[in-house]
Amino acid sequence: MTIALSDNEGSMKYRVVLKKSKEGYSVSCPGLPACWSQGKTEGEALETYKMRFVVPKLPGVNHLRAVRALEKAGFKIVNQGKHIVMSDGGRILTIPRHNPVTTMSG
C-alpha cells in the first residue's frame, strides 16, 4: 500500500506495511524505520500514521541552539556527521548542520 504524507510544502509518497495485531492494526514504513503507528481499525492506524508527519511552519534557528534545546528536553546525540542524530530512547531526530534549521530542512 502507498500513502501520501504531506509537509506544508507538498507531499511525498511512501510504501507502508499494514498488519493486523491483537490490538487492531499496526502500520510501518520500510523507508522510515523509526516510524510506526497503530489503531483499532485500518483507517485509524493509517490516519494516526499520517498525522505524525504534519509539520508546522516555524522560523529557522541555528542548529547548535536546536541541539541545546533538545538536550534540555532529554535528547542525547547518538551520531554526528553531515547531520546530527539525536534520540530520547523512543524517538530519533536528524538535524542538518546548516543554518538556519527549519522544519523543512533536510
Protein backbone atom coordinates (compact mmCIF):
# COMPACT_ATOMS: atom_id res chain seq x y z
CA MET A 1 0.00 0.00 0.00
CA THR A 2 1.27 3.52 -0.77
CA ILE A 3 0.14 6.64 1.09
CA ALA A 4 0.92 10.32 0.57
CA LEU A 5 2.46 12.11 3.54
CA SER A 6 2.26 15.87 3.45
CA ASP A 7 4.51 18.55 4.94
CA ASN A 8 3.32 22.10 4.34
CA GLU A 9 5.33 22.36 1.13
CA GLY A 10 3.87 19.40 -0.73
CA SER A 11 3.59 15.67 -0.38
CA MET A 12 5.72 12.59 -0.80
CA LYS A 13 4.57 9.01 -1.30
CA TYR A 14 5.81 6.19 0.88
CA ARG A 15 5.14 2.46 0.78
CA VAL A 16 3.70 1.30 4.10
CA VAL A 17 3.04 -2.09 5.62
CA LEU A 18 -0.30 -2.59 7.39
CA LYS A 19 -0.57 -5.62 9.70
CA LYS A 20 -3.37 -6.99 11.84
CA SER A 21 -2.39 -7.35 15.50
CA LYS A 22 -4.07 -8.36 18.77
CA GLU A 23 -4.91 -4.72 19.49
CA GLY A 24 -6.12 -3.85 15.97
CA TYR A 25 -3.79 -2.78 13.17
CA SER A 26 -0.21 -1.55 13.03
CA VAL A 27 1.36 0.44 10.21
CA SER A 28 5.05 0.96 9.46
CA CYS A 29 7.15 2.26 6.60
CA PRO A 30 10.28 0.37 5.49
CA GLY A 31 11.72 3.69 4.22
CA LEU A 32 11.27 5.34 7.64
CA PRO A 33 12.27 2.56 10.07
CA ALA A 34 11.75 4.55 13.29
CA CYS A 35 8.15 5.46 12.42
CA TRP A 36 5.12 3.31 13.13
CA SER A 37 1.62 3.72 14.46
CA GLN A 38 -1.39 1.65 15.39
CA GLY A 39 -5.16 1.87 15.62
CA LYS A 40 -8.25 -0.20 16.26
CA THR A 41 -9.16 -0.13 12.55
CA GLU A 42 -7.12 0.05 9.34
CA GLY A 43 -8.34 3.61 8.77
CA GLU A 44 -7.45 4.75 12.28
CA ALA A 45 -3.96 3.24 12.04
CA LEU A 46 -3.30 4.96 8.70
CA GLU A 47 -4.72 8.29 9.86
CA THR A 48 -2.64 8.38 13.06
CA TYR A 49 0.43 7.46 11.00
CA LYS A 50 -0.23 10.33 8.59
CA MET A 51 -0.78 12.76 11.50
CA ARG A 52 2.79 12.14 12.67
CA PHE A 53 4.01 13.85 9.50
CA VAL A 54 2.05 17.10 9.71
CA VAL A 55 4.86 19.59 10.14
CA PRO A 56 4.11 23.15 11.28
CA LYS A 57 5.91 26.08 9.68
CA LEU A 58 8.34 27.57 12.18
CA PRO A 59 11.07 30.17 11.76
CA GLY A 60 14.58 28.80 11.32
CA VAL A 61 17.03 28.51 14.22
CA ASN A 62 20.76 27.91 14.48
CA HIS A 63 21.43 24.15 14.54
CA LEU A 64 23.51 24.46 17.73
CA ARG A 65 20.59 26.18 19.50
CA ALA A 66 18.32 23.37 18.34
CA VAL A 67 20.74 20.75 19.76
CA ARG A 68 20.98 22.56 23.11
CA ALA A 69 17.19 22.86 23.37
CA LEU A 70 16.72 19.18 22.56
CA GLU A 71 19.39 18.18 25.11
CA LYS A 72 17.42 20.10 27.75
CA ALA A 73 14.34 18.14 26.67
CA GLY A 74 16.13 14.82 27.31
CA PHE A 75 17.57 14.01 23.88
CA LYS A 76 21.16 12.81 23.53
CA ILE A 77 23.45 12.92 20.50
CA VAL A 78 23.83 9.40 19.12
CA ASN A 79 25.70 10.15 15.88
CA GLN A 80 27.38 13.10 14.19
CA GLY A 81 28.46 13.58 10.62
CA LYS A 82 26.80 15.58 7.88
CA HIS A 83 23.81 15.68 10.24
CA ILE A 84 23.40 15.38 13.99
CA VAL A 85 21.24 12.42 15.07
CA MET A 86 19.60 12.66 18.49
CA SER A 87 17.37 10.28 20.43
CA ASP A 88 15.44 10.26 23.70
CA GLY A 89 15.31 6.46 23.68
CA GLY A 90 11.97 6.34 21.88
CA ARG A 91 12.20 8.95 19.15
CA ILE A 92 15.01 9.72 16.71
CA LEU A 93 15.62 13.20 15.26
CA THR A 94 18.03 14.19 12.49
CA ILE A 95 19.25 17.79 12.50
CA PRO A 96 21.06 19.14 9.43
CA ARG A 97 24.23 21.11 10.15
CA HIS A 98 23.26 24.12 8.05
CA ASN A 99 21.76 27.35 9.32
CA PRO A 100 19.04 28.20 9.75
CA VAL A 101 17.42 24.87 10.52
CA THR A 102 13.71 24.89 9.69
CA THR A 103 11.04 22.22 9.94
CA MET A 104 11.53 21.70 6.22
CA SER A 105 15.33 21.32 6.36
CA GLY A 106 16.90 18.10 5.31
